């Protein structure tokens, strides 16, 4: 399964992209924001936008974990 390596919303906020700003400027949709809050990996289009906003590569944001199940828990600082 895919998992976040970073707290995406926190990193976006550090760059000045609050959830209100992202909604108002249509940078990310409500579904993507809610998915991130639930620790569900977003689709490729939203991931591409996140990469652009954070100036990161997909591998800096997500990783693949084999045979591990995590429910709604962000494990910050993952190396995967």
PDB file of N, CA and C in Angstrom:
ATOM      1  N   UNK A   1       0.833  -1.180   0.000  1.00  0.00           N
ATOM      2  CA  UNK A   1       0.000   0.000   0.000  1.00  0.00           C
ATOM      3  C   UNK A   1       0.877   1.242   0.000  1.00  0.00           C
ATOM      4  N   UNK A   2       0.340   2.317  -0.486  1.00  0.00           N
ATOM      5  CA  UNK A   2       1.053   3.583  -0.456  1.00  0.00           C
ATOM      6  C   UNK A   2       0.814   4.267   0.882  1.00  0.00           C
ATOM      7  N   UNK A   3       1.821   4.979   1.349  1.00  0.00           N
ATOM      8  CA  UNK A   3       1.717   5.706   2.614  1.00  0.00           C
ATOM      9  C   UNK A   3       2.461   7.034   2.474  1.00  0.00           C
ATOM     10  N   UNK A   4       2.025   8.007   3.247  1.00  0.00           N
ATOM     11  CA  UNK A   4       2.698   9.302   3.258  1.00  0.00           C
ATOM     12  C   UNK A   4       3.964   9.232   4.095  1.00  0.00           C
ATOM     13  N   UNK A   5       5.017   9.847   3.604  1.00  0.00           N
ATOM     14  CA  UNK A   5       6.267   9.957   4.339  1.00  0.00           C
ATOM     15  C   UNK A   5       6.293  11.233   5.173  1.00  0.00           C
ATOM     16  N   UNK A   6       5.455  12.190   4.810  1.00  0.00           N
ATOM     17  CA  UNK A   6       5.429  13.489   5.486  1.00  0.00           C
ATOM     18  C   UNK A   6       3.986  13.837   5.840  1.00  0.00           C
ATOM     19  N   UNK A   7       3.817  14.808   6.695  1.00  0.00           N
ATOM     20  CA  UNK A   7       2.495  15.360   6.980  1.00  0.00           C
ATOM     21  C   UNK A   7       2.235  16.410   5.894  1.00  0.00           C
ATOM     22  N   UNK A   8       1.511  16.007   4.863  1.00  0.00           N
ATOM     23  CA  UNK A   8       1.327  16.830   3.673  1.00  0.00           C
ATOM     24  C   UNK A   8       0.698  18.175   4.007  1.00  0.00           C
ATOM     25  N   UNK A   9      -0.381  18.185   4.763  1.00  0.00           N
ATOM     26  CA  UNK A   9      -1.057  19.451   5.068  1.00  0.00           C
ATOM     27  C   UNK A   9      -0.168  20.376   5.884  1.00  0.00           C
ATOM     28  N   UNK A  10       0.606  19.823   6.777  1.00  0.00           N
ATOM     29  CA  UNK A  10       1.531  20.639   7.576  1.00  0.00           C
ATOM     30  C   UNK A  10       2.610  21.246   6.684  1.00  0.00           C
ATOM     31  N   UNK A  11       3.150  20.461   5.775  1.00  0.00           N
ATOM     32  CA  UNK A  11       4.182  20.970   4.865  1.00  0.00           C
ATOM     33  C   UNK A  11       3.613  22.040   3.932  1.00  0.00           C
ATOM     34  N   UNK A  12       2.385  21.838   3.460  1.00  0.00           N
ATOM     35  CA  UNK A  12       1.746  22.849   2.621  1.00  0.00           C
ATOM     36  C   UNK A  12       1.534  24.139   3.406  1.00  0.00           C
ATOM     37  N   UNK A  13       1.109  23.999   4.652  1.00  0.00           N
ATOM     38  CA  UNK A  13       0.874  25.168   5.498  1.00  0.00           C
ATOM     39  C   UNK A  13       2.167  25.955   5.720  1.00  0.00           C
ATOM     40  N   UNK A  14       3.275  25.248   5.907  1.00  0.00           N
ATOM     41  CA  UNK A  14       4.576  25.910   6.084  1.00  0.00           C
ATOM     42  C   UNK A  14       4.944  26.748   4.863  1.00  0.00           C
ATOM     43  N   UNK A  15       4.470  26.327   3.691  1.00  0.00           N
ATOM     44  CA  UNK A  15       4.735  27.054   2.443  1.00  0.00           C
ATOM     45  C   UNK A  15       3.679  28.134   2.178  1.00  0.00           C
ATOM     46  N   UNK A  16       2.735  28.294   3.119  1.00  0.00           N
ATOM     47  CA  UNK A  16       1.716  29.327   2.975  1.00  0.00           C
ATOM     48  C   UNK A  16       0.423  28.857   2.334  1.00  0.00           C
ATOM     49  N   UNK A  17       0.286  27.559   2.114  1.00  0.00           N
ATOM     50  CA  UNK A  17      -0.915  27.008   1.483  1.00  0.00           C
ATOM     51  C   UNK A  17      -1.835  26.404   2.541  1.00  0.00           C
ATOM     52  N   UNK A  18      -2.672  27.256   3.127  1.00  0.00           N
ATOM     53  CA  UNK A  18      -3.666  26.766   4.081  1.00  0.00           C
ATOM     54  C   UNK A  18      -4.765  26.057   3.308  1.00  0.00           C
ATOM     55  N   UNK A  19      -5.569  25.273   4.019  1.00  0.00           N
ATOM     56  CA  UNK A  19      -6.658  24.576   3.332  1.00  0.00           C
ATOM     57  C   UNK A  19      -7.644  25.573   2.731  1.00  0.00           C
ATOM     58  N   UNK A  20      -7.880  26.683   3.410  1.00  0.00           N
ATOM     59  CA  UNK A  20      -8.776  27.712   2.865  1.00  0.00           C
ATOM     60  C   UNK A  20      -8.217  28.285   1.573  1.00  0.00           C
ATOM     61  N   UNK A  21      -6.940  28.587   1.574  1.00  0.00           N
ATOM     62  CA  UNK A  21      -6.315  29.138   0.366  1.00  0.00           C
ATOM     63  C   UNK A  21      -6.382  28.136  -0.788  1.00  0.00           C
ATOM     64  N   UNK A  22      -6.100  26.870  -0.490  1.00  0.00           N
ATOM     65  CA  UNK A  22      -6.124  25.858  -1.544  1.00  0.00           C
ATOM     66  C   UNK A  22      -7.521  25.696  -2.134  1.00  0.00           C
ATOM     67  N   UNK A  23      -8.539  25.768  -1.266  1.00  0.00           N
ATOM     68  CA  UNK A  23      -9.922  25.691  -1.759  1.00  0.00           C
ATOM     69  C   UNK A  23     -10.267  26.927  -2.595  1.00  0.00           C
ATOM     70  N   UNK A  24      -9.989  28.103  -2.048  1.00  0.00           N
ATOM     71  CA  UNK A  24     -10.339  29.359  -2.720  1.00  0.00           C
ATOM     72  C   UNK A  24      -9.647  29.510  -4.065  1.00  0.00           C
ATOM     73  N   UNK A  25      -8.379  29.134  -4.129  1.00  0.00           N
ATOM     74  CA  UNK A  25      -7.618  29.266  -5.366  1.00  0.00           C
ATOM     75  C   UNK A  25      -7.726  28.023  -6.254  1.00  0.00           C
ATOM     76  N   UNK A  26      -8.532  27.063  -5.797  1.00  0.00           N
ATOM     77  CA  UNK A  26      -8.768  25.809  -6.536  1.00  0.00           C
ATOM     78  C   UNK A  26      -7.469  25.077  -6.856  1.00  0.00           C
ATOM     79  N   UNK A  27      -6.569  25.081  -5.873  1.00  0.00           N
ATOM     80  CA  UNK A  27      -5.310  24.368  -6.020  1.00  0.00           C
ATOM     81  C   UNK A  27      -5.499  22.886  -5.740  1.00  0.00           C
ATOM     82  N   UNK A  28      -6.301  22.579  -4.735  1.00  0.00           N
ATOM     83  CA  UNK A  28      -6.683  21.203  -4.404  1.00  0.00           C
ATOM     84  C   UNK A  28      -8.165  21.205  -4.064  1.00  0.00           C
ATOM     85  N   UNK A  29      -8.840  20.166  -4.488  1.00  0.00           N
ATOM     86  CA  UNK A  29     -10.266  20.057  -4.206  1.00  0.00           C
ATOM     87  C   UNK A  29     -10.532  19.557  -2.804  1.00  0.00           C
ATOM     88  N   UNK A  30     -11.764  19.708  -2.386  1.00  0.00           N
ATOM     89  CA  UNK A  30     -12.185  19.267  -1.048  1.00  0.00           C
ATOM     90  C   UNK A  30     -11.946  17.772  -0.855  1.00  0.00           C
ATOM     91  N   UNK A  31     -12.226  16.975  -1.875  1.00  0.00           N
ATOM     92  CA  UNK A  31     -12.013  15.524  -1.756  1.00  0.00           C
ATOM     93  C   UNK A  31     -10.550  15.193  -1.490  1.00  0.00           C
ATOM     94  N   UNK A  32      -9.645  15.864  -2.179  1.00  0.00           N
ATOM     95  CA  UNK A  32      -8.217  15.619  -1.966  1.00  0.00           C
ATOM     96  C   UNK A  32      -7.798  16.025  -0.560  1.00  0.00           C
ATOM     97  N   UNK A  33      -8.266  17.168  -0.111  1.00  0.00           N
ATOM     98  CA  UNK A  33      -7.918  17.641   1.236  1.00  0.00           C
ATOM     99  C   UNK A  33      -8.431  16.671   2.295  1.00  0.00           C
ATOM    100  N   UNK A  34      -9.662  16.215   2.137  1.00  0.00           N
ATOM    101  CA  UNK A  34     -10.233  15.267   3.101  1.00  0.00           C
ATOM    102  C   UNK A  34      -9.506  13.923   3.047  1.00  0.00           C
ATOM    103  N   UNK A  35      -9.118  13.487   1.869  1.00  0.00           N
ATOM    104  CA  UNK A  35      -8.360  12.234   1.748  1.00  0.00           C
ATOM    105  C   UNK A  35      -7.039  12.327   2.498  1.00  0.00           C
ATOM    106  N   UNK A  36      -6.361  13.448   2.352  1.00  0.00           N
ATOM    107  CA  UNK A  36      -5.089  13.640   3.055  1.00  0.00           C
ATOM    108  C   UNK A  36      -5.320  13.622   4.561  1.00  0.00           C
ATOM    109  N   UNK A  37      -6.375  14.279   5.007  1.00  0.00           N
ATOM    110  CA  UNK A  37      -6.685  14.285   6.456  1.00  0.00           C
ATOM    111  C   UNK A  37      -6.937  12.878   6.981  1.00  0.00           C
ATOM    112  N   UNK A  38      -7.533  12.017   6.153  1.00  0.00           N
ATOM    113  CA  UNK A  38      -7.825  10.633   6.554  1.00  0.00           C
ATOM    114  C   UNK A  38      -6.648   9.697   6.285  1.00  0.00           C
ATOM    115  N   UNK A  39      -5.528  10.284   5.870  1.00  0.00           N
ATOM    116  CA  UNK A  39      -4.322   9.524   5.562  1.00  0.00           C
ATOM    117  C   UNK A  39      -4.531   8.556   4.398  1.00  0.00           C
ATOM    118  N   UNK A  40      -5.396   8.940   3.480  1.00  0.00           N
ATOM    119  CA  UNK A  40      -5.612   8.179   2.257  1.00  0.00           C
ATOM    120  C   UNK A  40      -4.838   8.875   1.148  1.00  0.00           C
ATOM    121  N   UNK A  41      -4.092   8.106   0.384  1.00  0.00           N
ATOM    122  CA  UNK A  41      -3.285   8.696  -0.677  1.00  0.00           C
ATOM    123  C   UNK A  41      -4.202   9.210  -1.780  1.00  0.00           C
ATOM    124  N   UNK A  42      -3.921  10.412  -2.242  1.00  0.00           N
ATOM    125  CA  UNK A  42      -4.733  11.072  -3.264  1.00  0.00           C
ATOM    126  C   UNK A  42      -4.409  10.516  -4.646  1.00  0.00           C
ATOM    127  N   UNK A  43      -5.200  10.907  -5.620  1.00  0.00           N
ATOM    128  CA  UNK A  43      -4.979  10.492  -6.992  1.00  0.00           C
ATOM    129  C   UNK A  43      -3.773  11.174  -7.609  1.00  0.00           C
ATOM    130  N   UNK A  44      -3.428  10.726  -8.796  1.00  0.00           N
ATOM    131  CA  UNK A  44      -2.213  11.197  -9.463  1.00  0.00           C
ATOM    132  C   UNK A  44      -2.263  12.685  -9.795  1.00  0.00           C
ATOM    133  N   UNK A  45      -3.415  13.207 -10.164  1.00  0.00           N
ATOM    134  CA  UNK A  45      -3.516  14.633 -10.504  1.00  0.00           C
ATOM    135  C   UNK A  45      -3.286  15.495  -9.265  1.00  0.00           C
ATOM    136  N   UNK A  46      -3.917  15.117  -8.147  1.00  0.00           N
ATOM    137  CA  UNK A  46      -3.717  15.857  -6.899  1.00  0.00           C
ATOM    138  C   UNK A  46      -2.266  15.717  -6.424  1.00  0.00           C
ATOM    139  N   UNK A  47      -1.703  14.523  -6.575  1.00  0.00           N
ATOM    140  CA  UNK A  47      -0.307  14.316  -6.169  1.00  0.00           C
ATOM    141  C   UNK A  47       0.622  15.190  -7.001  1.00  0.00           C
ATOM    142  N   UNK A  48       0.332  15.315  -8.278  1.00  0.00           N
ATOM    143  CA  UNK A  48       1.132  16.179  -9.146  1.00  0.00           C
ATOM    144  C   UNK A  48       1.063  17.637  -8.680  1.00  0.00           C
ATOM    145  N   UNK A  49      -0.127  18.087  -8.295  1.00  0.00           N
ATOM    146  CA  UNK A  49      -0.269  19.461  -7.795  1.00  0.00           C
ATOM    147  C   UNK A  49       0.486  19.647  -6.491  1.00  0.00           C
ATOM    148  N   UNK A  50       0.396  18.663  -5.605  1.00  0.00           N
ATOM    149  CA  UNK A  50       1.108  18.730  -4.322  1.00  0.00           C
ATOM    150  C   UNK A  50       2.615  18.793  -4.560  1.00  0.00           C
ATOM    151  N   UNK A  51       3.107  17.965  -5.479  1.00  0.00           N
ATOM    152  CA  UNK A  51       4.543  17.992  -5.807  1.00  0.00           C
ATOM    153  C   UNK A  51       4.965  19.379  -6.277  1.00  0.00           C
ATOM    154  N   UNK A  52       4.145  20.004  -7.115  1.00  0.00           N
ATOM    155  CA  UNK A  52       4.465  21.338  -7.602  1.00  0.00           C
ATOM    156  C   UNK A  52       4.450  22.379  -6.502  1.00  0.00           C
ATOM    157  N   UNK A  53       3.454  22.317  -5.631  1.00  0.00           N
ATOM    158  CA  UNK A  53       3.357  23.293  -4.547  1.00  0.00           C
ATOM    159  C   UNK A  53       4.500  23.156  -3.549  1.00  0.00           C
ATOM    160  N   UNK A  54       4.878  21.912  -3.262  1.00  0.00           N
ATOM    161  CA  UNK A  54       5.933  21.673  -2.278  1.00  0.00           C
ATOM    162  C   UNK A  54       7.324  21.619  -2.898  1.00  0.00           C
ATOM    163  N   UNK A  55       7.378  21.658  -4.226  1.00  0.00           N
ATOM    164  CA  UNK A  55       8.654  21.538  -4.939  1.00  0.00           C
ATOM    165  C   UNK A  55       9.383  20.269  -4.518  1.00  0.00           C
ATOM    166  N   UNK A  56       8.648  19.148  -4.570  1.00  0.00           N
ATOM    167  CA  UNK A  56       9.175  17.840  -4.191  1.00  0.00           C
ATOM    168  C   UNK A  56       8.843  16.827  -5.278  1.00  0.00           C
ATOM    169  N   UNK A  57       9.532  15.704  -5.225  1.00  0.00           N
ATOM    170  CA  UNK A  57       9.250  14.574  -6.085  1.00  0.00           C
ATOM    171  C   UNK A  57       8.239  13.661  -5.389  1.00  0.00           C
ATOM    172  N   UNK A  58       7.479  12.865  -6.156  1.00  0.00           N
ATOM    173  CA  UNK A  58       6.509  11.959  -5.523  1.00  0.00           C
ATOM    174  C   UNK A  58       7.138  11.080  -4.444  1.00  0.00           C
ATOM    175  N   UNK A  59       8.356  10.611  -4.685  1.00  0.00           N
ATOM    176  CA  UNK A  59       9.044   9.763  -3.710  1.00  0.00           C
ATOM    177  C   UNK A  59       9.412  10.473  -2.418  1.00  0.00           C
ATOM    178  N   UNK A  60       9.370  11.805  -2.425  1.00  0.00           N
ATOM    179  CA  UNK A  60       9.599  12.567  -1.198  1.00  0.00           C
ATOM    180  C   UNK A  60       8.338  12.612  -0.347  1.00  0.00           C
ATOM    181  N   UNK A  61       7.201  12.322  -0.974  1.00  0.00           N
ATOM    182  CA  UNK A  61       5.898  12.483  -0.326  1.00  0.00           C
ATOM    183  C   UNK A  61       5.270  11.145   0.034  1.00  0.00           C
ATOM    184  N   UNK A  62       5.363  10.177  -0.874  1.00  0.00           N
ATOM    185  CA  UNK A  62       4.749   8.867  -0.627  1.00  0.00           C
ATOM    186  C   UNK A  62       5.772   7.757  -0.809  1.00  0.00           C
ATOM    187  N   UNK A  63       5.434   6.597  -0.257  1.00  0.00           N
ATOM    188  CA  UNK A  63       6.258   5.410  -0.438  1.00  0.00           C
ATOM    189  C   UNK A  63       5.350   4.190  -0.502  1.00  0.00           C
ATOM    190  N   UNK A  64       5.891   3.105  -0.944  1.00  0.00           N
ATOM    191  CA  UNK A  64       5.158   1.845  -1.015  1.00  0.00           C
ATOM    192  C   UNK A  64       5.592   0.963   0.134  1.00  0.00           C
ATOM    193  N   UNK A  65       4.610   0.455   0.865  1.00  0.00           N
ATOM    194  CA  UNK A  65       4.890  -0.465   1.970  1.00  0.00           C
ATOM    195  C   UNK A  65       4.251  -1.798   1.655  1.00  0.00           C
ATOM    196  N   UNK A  66       5.041  -2.833   1.618  1.00  0.00           N
ATOM    197  CA  UNK A  66       4.533  -4.162   1.308  1.00  0.00           C
ATOM    198  C   UNK A  66       3.990  -4.824   2.573  1.00  0.00           C
ATOM    199  N   UNK A  67       2.788  -5.373   2.447  1.00  0.00           N
ATOM    200  CA  UNK A  67       2.184  -6.182   3.515  1.00  0.00           C
ATOM    201  C   UNK A  67       2.050  -5.486   4.854  1.00  0.00           C
ATOM    202  N   UNK A  68       1.815  -4.186   4.845  1.00  0.00           N
ATOM    203  CA  UNK A  68       1.577  -3.487   6.103  1.00  0.00           C
ATOM    204  C   UNK A  68       0.255  -2.767   6.001  1.00  0.00           C
ATOM    205  N   UNK A  69      -0.539  -2.862   7.037  1.00  0.00           N
ATOM    206  CA  UNK A  69      -1.807  -2.163   7.079  1.00  0.00           C
ATOM    207  C   UNK A  69      -1.745  -1.140   8.195  1.00  0.00           C
ATOM    208  N   UNK A  70      -2.020   0.120   7.829  1.00  0.00           N
ATOM    209  CA  UNK A  70      -2.066   1.194   8.824  1.00  0.00           C
ATOM    210  C   UNK A  70      -3.388   1.903   8.631  1.00  0.00           C
ATOM    211  N   UNK A  71      -4.143   2.059   9.663  1.00  0.00           N
ATOM    212  CA  UNK A  71      -5.433   2.723   9.570  1.00  0.00           C
ATOM    213  C   UNK A  71      -5.366   4.116  10.158  1.00  0.00           C
ATOM    214  N   UNK A  72      -5.501   5.126   9.287  1.00  0.00           N
ATOM    215  CA  UNK A  72      -5.629   6.518   9.685  1.00  0.00           C
ATOM    216  C   UNK A  72      -4.558   6.983  10.663  1.00  0.00           C
ATOM    217  N   UNK A  73      -3.340   6.571  10.438  1.00  0.00           N
ATOM    218  CA  UNK A  73      -2.254   6.954  11.336  1.00  0.00           C
ATOM    219  C   UNK A  73      -1.095   7.469  10.493  1.00  0.00           C
ATOM    220  N   UNK A  74      -0.639   8.655  10.764  1.00  0.00           N
ATOM    221  CA  UNK A  74       0.516   9.196  10.063  1.00  0.00           C
ATOM    222  C   UNK A  74       1.748   8.870  10.883  1.00  0.00           C
ATOM    223  N   UNK A  75       2.674   8.187  10.261  1.00  0.00           N
ATOM    224  CA  UNK A  75       3.939   7.858  10.900  1.00  0.00           C
ATOM    225  C   UNK A  75       4.986   8.777  10.299  1.00  0.00           C
ATOM    226  N   UNK A  76       5.228   9.905  10.916  1.00  0.00           N
ATOM    227  CA  UNK A  76       6.116  10.926  10.361  1.00  0.00           C
ATOM    228  C   UNK A  76       7.560  10.428  10.319  1.00  0.00           C
ATOM    229  N   UNK A  77       8.256  10.862   9.296  1.00  0.00           N
ATOM    230  CA  UNK A  77       9.659  10.544   9.165  1.00  0.00           C
ATOM    231  C   UNK A  77       9.912   9.158   8.605  1.00  0.00           C
ATOM    232  N   UNK A  78       8.986   8.609   7.876  1.00  0.00           N
ATOM    233  CA  UNK A  78       9.161   7.275   7.308  1.00  0.00           C
ATOM    234  C   UNK A  78      10.219   7.286   6.225  1.00  0.00           C
ATOM    235  N   UNK A  79      10.964   6.242   6.153  1.00  0.00           N
ATOM    236  CA  UNK A  79      11.931   6.066   5.079  1.00  0.00           C
ATOM    237  C   UNK A  79      11.428   5.094   4.038  1.00  0.00           C
ATOM    238  N   UNK A  80      10.504   4.267   4.419  1.00  0.00           N
ATOM    239  CA  UNK A  80       9.934   3.206   3.577  1.00  0.00           C
ATOM    240  C   UNK A  80      11.038   2.474   2.902  1.00  0.00           C
TER     241      UNK A  80
END
